[in-house]
Amino acid sequence: MTFGEFVNDGLFRYLVEKYEIRGTAVMFVLLGCLFGCVAAGYLLGSLNSAVIFSRAVFGKDIRESGSKNAGMTNMFRVFGKKGGLLTLAGDVLKTALAVAAGVFFYGRGGAYLAGFFCMLGHMFPCYYRFRGGKGMLVCSAVLLFCDPPVFFICLLVFAGVLLVSRMVSLGSVMAALTMPLFLFEWYKIFGEDGALLGIRMPIALLMGISVIAAHIPNIKRIYAGTEPRITFPWEKKKGEKKDKKEKNRKD
């Protein structure tokens, strides 16, 4: 069995071929490998970086501050760049490990399965009373590791919506909404045989739906016109320059 074949089908194919497993036993091996993807993904995802770093570095639980969401955006708002970047690094790392575990157990399809449960673990962490983040960062990291071209297309959607609306939540919702569509079209156009994605497509749909569902309170605030908007760095600099000019005029 070559390395490429292992990446495509993982431990499942290796065991079936090496030990010449046939019949009903194949189903048990398959279920065992799928369980490995689910368990590894969920347990790694439950290591919520925002909660860990807010407690260890800043001595506070992020779920008690700001929007009370255990995610990167709230860490940036409450603890600044240091908190946000630590959360970003931690969440990307745990997603990478989950995806790698998925590849090990069940190849490329397992990568998406483990990534999805990593996102669920992030949203409902068993270590922190099932109070976690909204899953967008983990969802994005899964896409980055599994399908980089589609990730960058969705990133452009997110950035475009953010620049126009100045709302991170709206950018996240639009990226999650369009992700399955872009994934489908990408493989339809560039797939080797034009076939659909097997396990990837339904999981991509579930990931998109989960992220949107987690943002329902934000969607309600957007509709009501009360959703917070961010201030871009260049806008802050302009504001500081105006303040300086006004002070100089007064002096």
C-alpha atoms as a PDB file:
ATOM      1  CA  MET A   1       0.000   0.000   0.000  1.00  0.00           C
ATOM      2  CA  THR A   2       1.464   3.343  -1.066  1.00  0.00           C
ATOM      3  CA  PHE A   3       1.440   6.542   0.989  1.00  0.00           C
ATOM      4  CA  GLY A   4      -1.009   8.116  -1.461  1.00  0.00           C
ATOM      5  CA  GLU A   5      -3.428   5.202  -1.062  1.00  0.00           C
ATOM      6  CA  PHE A   6      -3.164   5.482   2.723  1.00  0.00           C
ATOM      7  CA  VAL A   7      -3.981   9.214   2.565  1.00  0.00           C
ATOM      8  CA  ASN A   8      -7.032   8.444   0.425  1.00  0.00           C
ATOM      9  CA  ASP A   9      -8.465   5.640   2.577  1.00  0.00           C
ATOM     10  CA  GLY A  10      -6.457   5.597   5.816  1.00  0.00           C
ATOM     11  CA  LEU A  11      -6.209   2.818   8.365  1.00  0.00           C
ATOM     12  CA  PHE A  12      -9.473   1.311   7.152  1.00  0.00           C
ATOM     13  CA  ARG A  13      -8.088   0.259   3.773  1.00  0.00           C
ATOM     14  CA  TYR A  14      -4.751  -0.760   5.279  1.00  0.00           C
ATOM     15  CA  LEU A  15      -6.386  -3.192   7.713  1.00  0.00           C
ATOM     16  CA  VAL A  16      -8.807  -4.607   5.143  1.00  0.00           C
ATOM     17  CA  GLU A  17      -6.042  -5.248   2.607  1.00  0.00           C
ATOM     18  CA  LYS A  18      -3.327  -6.471   4.976  1.00  0.00           C
ATOM     19  CA  TYR A  19      -5.519  -8.919   6.868  1.00  0.00           C
ATOM     20  CA  GLU A  20      -7.795  -9.704   3.891  1.00  0.00           C
ATOM     21  CA  ILE A  21     -10.910  -8.888   5.871  1.00  0.00           C
ATOM     22  CA  ARG A  22     -14.144  -9.811   4.130  1.00  0.00           C
ATOM     23  CA  GLY A  23     -17.875  -9.824   4.695  1.00  0.00           C
ATOM     24  CA  THR A  24     -19.465  -8.497   7.879  1.00  0.00           C
ATOM     25  CA  ALA A  25     -16.071  -7.932   9.500  1.00  0.00           C
ATOM     26  CA  VAL A  26     -15.428  -5.088   7.052  1.00  0.00           C
ATOM     27  CA  MET A  27     -18.370  -3.199   8.531  1.00  0.00           C
ATOM     28  CA  PHE A  28     -16.957  -3.505  12.045  1.00  0.00           C
ATOM     29  CA  VAL A  29     -13.574  -2.212  10.882  1.00  0.00           C
ATOM     30  CA  LEU A  30     -15.299   0.673   9.105  1.00  0.00           C
ATOM     31  CA  LEU A  31     -17.359   1.576  12.170  1.00  0.00           C
ATOM     32  CA  GLY A  32     -14.241   1.444  14.350  1.00  0.00           C
ATOM     33  CA  CYS A  33     -12.352   3.817  12.055  1.00  0.00           C
ATOM     34  CA  LEU A  34     -15.301   6.203  11.804  1.00  0.00           C
ATOM     35  CA  PHE A  35     -15.606   6.179  15.587  1.00  0.00           C
ATOM     36  CA  GLY A  36     -11.906   7.063  15.776  1.00  0.00           C
ATOM     37  CA  CYS A  37     -12.544  10.096  13.533  1.00  0.00           C
ATOM     38  CA  VAL A  38     -15.511  11.212  15.629  1.00  0.00           C
ATOM     39  CA  ALA A  39     -13.843  10.708  19.027  1.00  0.00           C
ATOM     40  CA  ALA A  40     -10.517  12.297  18.082  1.00  0.00           C
ATOM     41  CA  GLY A  41     -12.233  15.252  16.423  1.00  0.00           C
ATOM     42  CA  TYR A  42     -14.638  15.950  19.279  1.00  0.00           C
ATOM     43  CA  LEU A  43     -12.124  15.558  22.113  1.00  0.00           C
ATOM     44  CA  LEU A  44      -9.559  17.784  20.371  1.00  0.00           C
ATOM     45  CA  GLY A  45     -12.239  20.329  19.517  1.00  0.00           C
ATOM     46  CA  SER A  46     -13.326  20.474  23.145  1.00  0.00           C
ATOM     47  CA  LEU A  47      -9.941  21.973  24.015  1.00  0.00           C
ATOM     48  CA  ASN A  48     -11.304  25.504  23.705  1.00  0.00           C
ATOM     49  CA  SER A  49      -8.342  27.838  23.176  1.00  0.00           C
ATOM     50  CA  ALA A  50     -10.247  30.970  24.187  1.00  0.00           C
ATOM     51  CA  VAL A  51     -11.206  29.498  27.562  1.00  0.00           C
ATOM     52  CA  ILE A  52      -7.737  28.029  28.144  1.00  0.00           C
ATOM     53  CA  PHE A  53      -5.772  31.191  27.330  1.00  0.00           C
ATOM     54  CA  SER A  54      -8.198  33.616  28.957  1.00  0.00           C
ATOM     55  CA  ARG A  55      -7.835  31.695  32.224  1.00  0.00           C
ATOM     56  CA  ALA A  56      -4.125  30.848  32.027  1.00  0.00           C
ATOM     57  CA  VAL A  57      -2.787  34.129  30.630  1.00  0.00           C
ATOM     58  CA  PHE A  58      -5.310  36.773  31.690  1.00  0.00           C
ATOM     59  CA  GLY A  59      -6.818  35.202  34.812  1.00  0.00           C
ATOM     60  CA  LYS A  60     -10.413  35.534  33.559  1.00  0.00           C
ATOM     61  CA  ASP A  61     -12.942  33.318  31.825  1.00  0.00           C
ATOM     62  CA  ILE A  62     -13.726  34.826  28.425  1.00  0.00           C
ATOM     63  CA  ARG A  63     -17.273  33.487  28.752  1.00  0.00           C
ATOM     64  CA  GLU A  64     -17.862  36.059  31.484  1.00  0.00           C
ATOM     65  CA  SER A  65     -16.615  39.050  29.472  1.00  0.00           C
ATOM     66  CA  GLY A  66     -17.580  40.983  26.355  1.00  0.00           C
ATOM     67  CA  SER A  67     -20.125  39.079  24.264  1.00  0.00           C
ATOM     68  CA  LYS A  68     -19.484  36.031  26.506  1.00  0.00           C
ATOM     69  CA  ASN A  69     -18.622  33.986  23.416  1.00  0.00           C
ATOM     70  CA  ALA A  70     -15.590  31.689  23.752  1.00  0.00           C
ATOM     71  CA  GLY A  71     -14.120  32.559  20.372  1.00  0.00           C
ATOM     72  CA  MET A  72     -11.371  34.533  18.691  1.00  0.00           C
ATOM     73  CA  THR A  73     -13.402  37.690  17.958  1.00  0.00           C
ATOM     74  CA  ASN A  74     -14.390  38.133  21.593  1.00  0.00           C
ATOM     75  CA  MET A  75     -10.792  37.463  22.692  1.00  0.00           C
ATOM     76  CA  PHE A  76      -9.608  40.268  20.402  1.00  0.00           C
ATOM     77  CA  ARG A  77     -12.228  42.628  21.787  1.00  0.00           C
ATOM     78  CA  VAL A  78     -11.590  41.842  25.446  1.00  0.00           C
ATOM     79  CA  PHE A  79      -7.850  41.044  25.614  1.00  0.00           C
ATOM     80  CA  GLY A  80      -6.500  42.622  22.433  1.00  0.00           C
ATOM     81  CA  LYS A  81      -4.088  41.214  19.863  1.00  0.00           C
ATOM     82  CA  LYS A  82      -2.300  38.883  22.255  1.00  0.00           C
ATOM     83  CA  GLY A  83      -5.482  37.122  23.302  1.00  0.00           C
ATOM     84  CA  GLY A  84      -6.837  36.954  19.769  1.00  0.00           C
ATOM     85  CA  LEU A  85      -3.650  35.600  18.216  1.00  0.00           C
ATOM     86  CA  LEU A  86      -3.187  32.980  20.940  1.00  0.00           C
ATOM     87  CA  THR A  87      -6.736  31.789  20.319  1.00  0.00           C
ATOM     88  CA  LEU A  88      -6.176  31.746  16.572  1.00  0.00           C
ATOM     89  CA  ALA A  89      -3.008  29.652  16.915  1.00  0.00           C
ATOM     90  CA  GLY A  90      -4.580  27.238  19.399  1.00  0.00           C
ATOM     91  CA  ASP A  91      -7.732  26.642  17.377  1.00  0.00           C
ATOM     92  CA  VAL A  92      -5.856  26.163  14.100  1.00  0.00           C
ATOM     93  CA  LEU A  93      -3.473  23.708  15.786  1.00  0.00           C
ATOM     94  CA  LYS A  94      -6.220  21.570  17.310  1.00  0.00           C
ATOM     95  CA  THR A  95      -8.051  21.528  13.970  1.00  0.00           C
ATOM     96  CA  ALA A  96      -4.884  20.439  12.179  1.00  0.00           C
ATOM     97  CA  LEU A  97      -4.471  17.573  14.664  1.00  0.00           C
ATOM     98  CA  ALA A  98      -8.123  16.560  14.264  1.00  0.00           C
ATOM     99  CA  VAL A  99      -7.871  16.572  10.457  1.00  0.00           C
ATOM    100  CA  ALA A 100      -4.643  14.542  10.656  1.00  0.00           C
ATOM    101  CA  ALA A 101      -6.384  12.005  12.915  1.00  0.00           C
ATOM    102  CA  GLY A 102      -9.240  11.798  10.426  1.00  0.00           C
ATOM    103  CA  VAL A 103      -6.817  11.113   7.567  1.00  0.00           C
ATOM    104  CA  PHE A 104      -5.128   8.428   9.651  1.00  0.00           C
ATOM    105  CA  PHE A 105      -8.365   6.574  10.387  1.00  0.00           C
ATOM    106  CA  TYR A 106     -10.325   7.036   7.158  1.00  0.00           C
ATOM    107  CA  GLY A 107      -8.368   9.094   4.633  1.00  0.00           C
ATOM    108  CA  ARG A 108      -9.683  12.254   2.998  1.00  0.00           C
ATOM    109  CA  GLY A 109     -13.300  11.567   3.910  1.00  0.00           C
ATOM    110  CA  GLY A 110     -12.252  11.017   7.514  1.00  0.00           C
ATOM    111  CA  ALA A 111     -10.529  14.410   7.516  1.00  0.00           C
ATOM    112  CA  TYR A 112     -13.859  16.154   6.944  1.00  0.00           C
ATOM    113  CA  LEU A 113     -15.655  13.943   9.459  1.00  0.00           C
ATOM    114  CA  ALA A 114     -13.077  14.573  12.194  1.00  0.00           C
ATOM    115  CA  GLY A 115     -13.043  18.272  11.298  1.00  0.00           C
ATOM    116  CA  PHE A 116     -16.806  18.515  11.667  1.00  0.00           C
ATOM    117  CA  PHE A 117     -16.737  16.915  15.109  1.00  0.00           C
ATOM    118  CA  CYS A 118     -13.809  19.137  16.042  1.00  0.00           C
ATOM    119  CA  MET A 119     -16.085  22.072  15.272  1.00  0.00           C
ATOM    120  CA  LEU A 120     -18.890  20.543  17.368  1.00  0.00           C
ATOM    121  CA  GLY A 121     -16.411  20.026  20.205  1.00  0.00           C
ATOM    122  CA  HIS A 122     -15.394  23.667  19.914  1.00  0.00           C
ATOM    123  CA  MET A 123     -19.026  24.769  20.084  1.00  0.00           C
ATOM    124  CA  PHE A 124     -20.049  22.302  22.833  1.00  0.00           C
ATOM    125  CA  PRO A 125     -16.845  21.393  24.733  1.00  0.00           C
ATOM    126  CA  CYS A 126     -17.254  18.500  27.135  1.00  0.00           C
ATOM    127  CA  TYR A 127     -14.472  19.936  29.330  1.00  0.00           C
ATOM    128  CA  TYR A 128     -16.235  23.288  29.855  1.00  0.00           C
ATOM    129  CA  ARG A 129     -19.889  22.398  30.495  1.00  0.00           C
ATOM    130  CA  PHE A 130     -20.668  22.490  26.772  1.00  0.00           C
ATOM    131  CA  ARG A 131     -20.277  26.285  26.574  1.00  0.00           C
ATOM    132  CA  GLY A 132     -17.946  27.097  23.699  1.00  0.00           C
ATOM    133  CA  GLY A 133     -17.559  29.270  20.627  1.00  0.00           C
ATOM    134  CA  LYS A 134     -19.523  29.601  17.400  1.00  0.00           C
ATOM    135  CA  GLY A 135     -17.267  27.389  15.303  1.00  0.00           C
ATOM    136  CA  MET A 136     -16.418  29.682  12.391  1.00  0.00           C
ATOM    137  CA  LEU A 137     -12.660  29.643  12.931  1.00  0.00           C
ATOM    138  CA  VAL A 138     -12.543  25.847  13.222  1.00  0.00           C
ATOM    139  CA  CYS A 139     -14.811  25.483  10.195  1.00  0.00           C
ATOM    140  CA  SER A 140     -12.457  27.741   8.218  1.00  0.00           C
ATOM    141  CA  ALA A 141      -9.403  25.782   9.361  1.00  0.00           C
ATOM    142  CA  VAL A 142     -11.003  22.490   8.272  1.00  0.00           C
ATOM    143  CA  LEU A 143     -11.622  23.976   4.844  1.00  0.00           C
ATOM    144  CA  LEU A 144      -8.074  25.347   4.712  1.00  0.00           C
ATOM    145  CA  PHE A 145      -6.516  21.947   5.392  1.00  0.00           C
ATOM    146  CA  CYS A 146      -8.931  19.891   3.280  1.00  0.00           C
ATOM    147  CA  ASP A 147      -9.720  22.166   0.322  1.00  0.00           C
ATOM    148  CA  PRO A 148      -7.455  25.266   0.269  1.00  0.00           C
ATOM    149  CA  PRO A 149      -8.806  26.779  -2.994  1.00  0.00           C
ATOM    150  CA  VAL A 150     -12.371  26.779  -1.634  1.00  0.00           C
ATOM    151  CA  PHE A 151     -11.105  28.251   1.644  1.00  0.00           C
ATOM    152  CA  PHE A 152      -9.583  31.247  -0.131  1.00  0.00           C
ATOM    153  CA  ILE A 153     -12.766  31.833  -2.142  1.00  0.00           C
ATOM    154  CA  CYS A 154     -14.819  31.838   1.082  1.00  0.00           C
ATOM    155  CA  LEU A 155     -12.214  34.104   2.686  1.00  0.00           C
ATOM    156  CA  LEU A 156     -12.781  36.633  -0.098  1.00  0.00           C
ATOM    157  CA  VAL A 157     -16.532  36.481   0.578  1.00  0.00           C
ATOM    158  CA  PHE A 158     -15.928  37.038   4.297  1.00  0.00           C
ATOM    159  CA  ALA A 159     -13.514  39.924   3.696  1.00  0.00           C
ATOM    160  CA  GLY A 160     -15.812  41.605   1.163  1.00  0.00           C
ATOM    161  CA  VAL A 161     -18.844  41.461   3.458  1.00  0.00           C
ATOM    162  CA  LEU A 162     -16.759  42.611   6.433  1.00  0.00           C
ATOM    163  CA  LEU A 163     -15.382  45.618   4.563  1.00  0.00           C
ATOM    164  CA  VAL A 164     -18.845  46.710   3.480  1.00  0.00           C
ATOM    165  CA  SER A 165     -20.778  45.976   6.685  1.00  0.00           C
ATOM    166  CA  ARG A 166     -18.021  46.127   9.332  1.00  0.00           C
ATOM    167  CA  MET A 167     -19.769  43.175  11.023  1.00  0.00           C
ATOM    168  CA  VAL A 168     -17.721  40.020  11.660  1.00  0.00           C
ATOM    169  CA  SER A 169     -20.880  38.010  12.291  1.00  0.00           C
ATOM    170  CA  LEU A 170     -22.420  38.900   8.911  1.00  0.00           C
ATOM    171  CA  GLY A 171     -19.179  38.014   7.124  1.00  0.00           C
ATOM    172  CA  SER A 172     -19.100  34.665   8.945  1.00  0.00           C
ATOM    173  CA  VAL A 173     -22.724  33.875   8.096  1.00  0.00           C
ATOM    174  CA  MET A 174     -22.271  34.700   4.410  1.00  0.00           C
ATOM    175  CA  ALA A 175     -19.072  32.630   4.180  1.00  0.00           C
ATOM    176  CA  ALA A 176     -20.779  29.667   5.896  1.00  0.00           C
ATOM    177  CA  LEU A 177     -23.815  30.043   3.635  1.00  0.00           C
ATOM    178  CA  THR A 178     -21.795  29.976   0.418  1.00  0.00           C
ATOM    179  CA  MET A 179     -19.187  27.361   1.446  1.00  0.00           C
ATOM    180  CA  PRO A 180     -21.154  24.245   0.344  1.00  0.00           C
ATOM    181  CA  LEU A 181     -22.011  25.919  -2.969  1.00  0.00           C
ATOM    182  CA  PHE A 182     -18.396  26.791  -3.730  1.00  0.00           C
ATOM    183  CA  LEU A 183     -17.259  23.315  -2.664  1.00  0.00           C
ATOM    184  CA  PHE A 184     -19.800  21.683  -4.955  1.00  0.00           C
ATOM    185  CA  GLU A 185     -18.909  23.886  -7.928  1.00  0.00           C
ATOM    186  CA  TRP A 186     -15.166  23.450  -7.389  1.00  0.00           C
ATOM    187  CA  TYR A 187     -15.339  19.662  -7.562  1.00  0.00           C
ATOM    188  CA  LYS A 188     -17.916  19.741 -10.332  1.00  0.00           C
ATOM    189  CA  ILE A 189     -15.527  21.801 -12.485  1.00  0.00           C
ATOM    190  CA  PHE A 190     -12.119  20.573 -11.353  1.00  0.00           C
ATOM    191  CA  GLY A 191     -12.889  17.109  -9.935  1.00  0.00           C
ATOM    192  CA  GLU A 192     -11.123  14.247 -11.672  1.00  0.00           C
ATOM    193  CA  ASP A 193     -14.330  12.653 -12.899  1.00  0.00           C
ATOM    194  CA  GLY A 194     -16.822  15.427 -12.195  1.00  0.00           C
ATOM    195  CA  ALA A 195     -18.446  13.227  -9.547  1.00  0.00           C
ATOM    196  CA  LEU A 196     -19.805  14.600  -6.311  1.00  0.00           C
ATOM    197  CA  LEU A 197     -17.828  14.640  -3.124  1.00  0.00           C
ATOM    198  CA  GLY A 198     -19.128  11.614  -1.282  1.00  0.00           C
ATOM    199  CA  ILE A 199     -18.947  12.271   2.448  1.00  0.00           C
ATOM    200  CA  ARG A 200     -17.571  15.808   2.001  1.00  0.00           C
ATOM    201  CA  MET A 201     -20.674  17.489   0.641  1.00  0.00           C
ATOM    202  CA  PRO A 202     -23.163  16.497   3.381  1.00  0.00           C
ATOM    203  CA  ILE A 203     -20.583  17.340   6.041  1.00  0.00           C
ATOM    204  CA  ALA A 204     -19.921  20.736   4.434  1.00  0.00           C
ATOM    205  CA  LEU A 205     -23.687  21.383   4.525  1.00  0.00           C
ATOM    206  CA  LEU A 206     -23.859  20.398   8.195  1.00  0.00           C
ATOM    207  CA  MET A 207     -20.899  22.636   9.025  1.00  0.00           C
ATOM    208  CA  GLY A 208     -22.468  25.598   7.252  1.00  0.00           C
ATOM    209  CA  ILE A 209     -25.832  25.043   8.954  1.00  0.00           C
ATOM    210  CA  SER A 210     -24.172  24.690  12.375  1.00  0.00           C
ATOM    211  CA  VAL A 211     -22.265  27.964  12.020  1.00  0.00           C
ATOM    212  CA  ILE A 212     -25.375  29.822  10.858  1.00  0.00           C
ATOM    213  CA  ALA A 213     -27.448  28.351  13.713  1.00  0.00           C
ATOM    214  CA  ALA A 214     -24.821  29.486  16.223  1.00  0.00           C
ATOM    215  CA  HIS A 215     -25.118  33.024  14.806  1.00  0.00           C
ATOM    216  CA  ILE A 216     -28.930  33.274  15.139  1.00  0.00           C
ATOM    217  CA  PRO A 217     -28.661  35.841  17.994  1.00  0.00           C
ATOM    218  CA  ASN A 218     -26.333  37.898  15.781  1.00  0.00           C
ATOM    219  CA  ILE A 219     -28.742  37.613  12.842  1.00  0.00           C
ATOM    220  CA  LYS A 220     -31.551  38.929  15.066  1.00  0.00           C
ATOM    221  CA  ARG A 221     -29.384  41.889  16.133  1.00  0.00           C
ATOM    222  CA  ILE A 222     -28.418  42.567  12.513  1.00  0.00           C
ATOM    223  CA  TYR A 223     -32.106  42.660  11.598  1.00  0.00           C
ATOM    224  CA  ALA A 224     -32.802  44.980  14.550  1.00  0.00           C
ATOM    225  CA  GLY A 225     -29.843  47.197  13.666  1.00  0.00           C
ATOM    226  CA  THR A 226     -28.104  46.646  17.010  1.00  0.00           C
ATOM    227  CA  GLU A 227     -25.230  44.346  15.981  1.00  0.00           C
ATOM    228  CA  PRO A 228     -21.817  45.809  16.983  1.00  0.00           C
ATOM    229  CA  ARG A 229     -19.582  47.006  14.156  1.00  0.00           C
ATOM    230  CA  ILE A 230     -15.802  46.924  14.207  1.00  0.00           C
ATOM    231  CA  THR A 231     -13.507  49.875  13.633  1.00  0.00           C
ATOM    232  CA  PHE A 232     -10.697  49.218  11.177  1.00  0.00           C
ATOM    233  CA  PRO A 233      -7.117  50.235  12.099  1.00  0.00           C
ATOM    234  CA  TRP A 234      -6.973  52.862   9.360  1.00  0.00           C
ATOM    235  CA  GLU A 235     -10.179  54.432  10.711  1.00  0.00           C
ATOM    236  CA  LYS A 236      -8.614  54.673  14.159  1.00  0.00           C
ATOM    237  CA  LYS A 237      -5.586  56.447  12.711  1.00  0.00           C
ATOM    238  CA  LYS A 238      -7.814  58.947  10.918  1.00  0.00           C
ATOM    239  CA  GLY A 239      -9.698  59.564  14.155  1.00  0.00           C
ATOM    240  CA  GLU A 240      -6.454  60.093  16.056  1.00  0.00           C
ATOM    241  CA  LYS A 241      -5.235  62.577  13.431  1.00  0.00           C
ATOM    242  CA  LYS A 242      -8.510  64.523  13.655  1.00  0.00           C
ATOM    243  CA  ASP A 243      -8.246  64.637  17.452  1.00  0.00           C
ATOM    244  CA  LYS A 244      -4.689  65.957  17.222  1.00  0.00           C
ATOM    245  CA  LYS A 245      -5.709  68.650  14.748  1.00  0.00           C
ATOM    246  CA  GLU A 246      -8.572  69.728  16.989  1.00  0.00           C
ATOM    247  CA  LYS A 247      -6.250  69.921  20.017  1.00  0.00           C
ATOM    248  CA  ASN A 248      -3.732  71.987  18.034  1.00  0.00           C
ATOM    249  CA  ARG A 249      -6.454  74.377  16.949  1.00  0.00           C
ATOM    250  CA  LYS A 250      -7.625  74.817  20.536  1.00  0.00           C
ATOM    251  CA  ASP A 251      -4.055  75.423  21.695  1.00  0.00           C
END
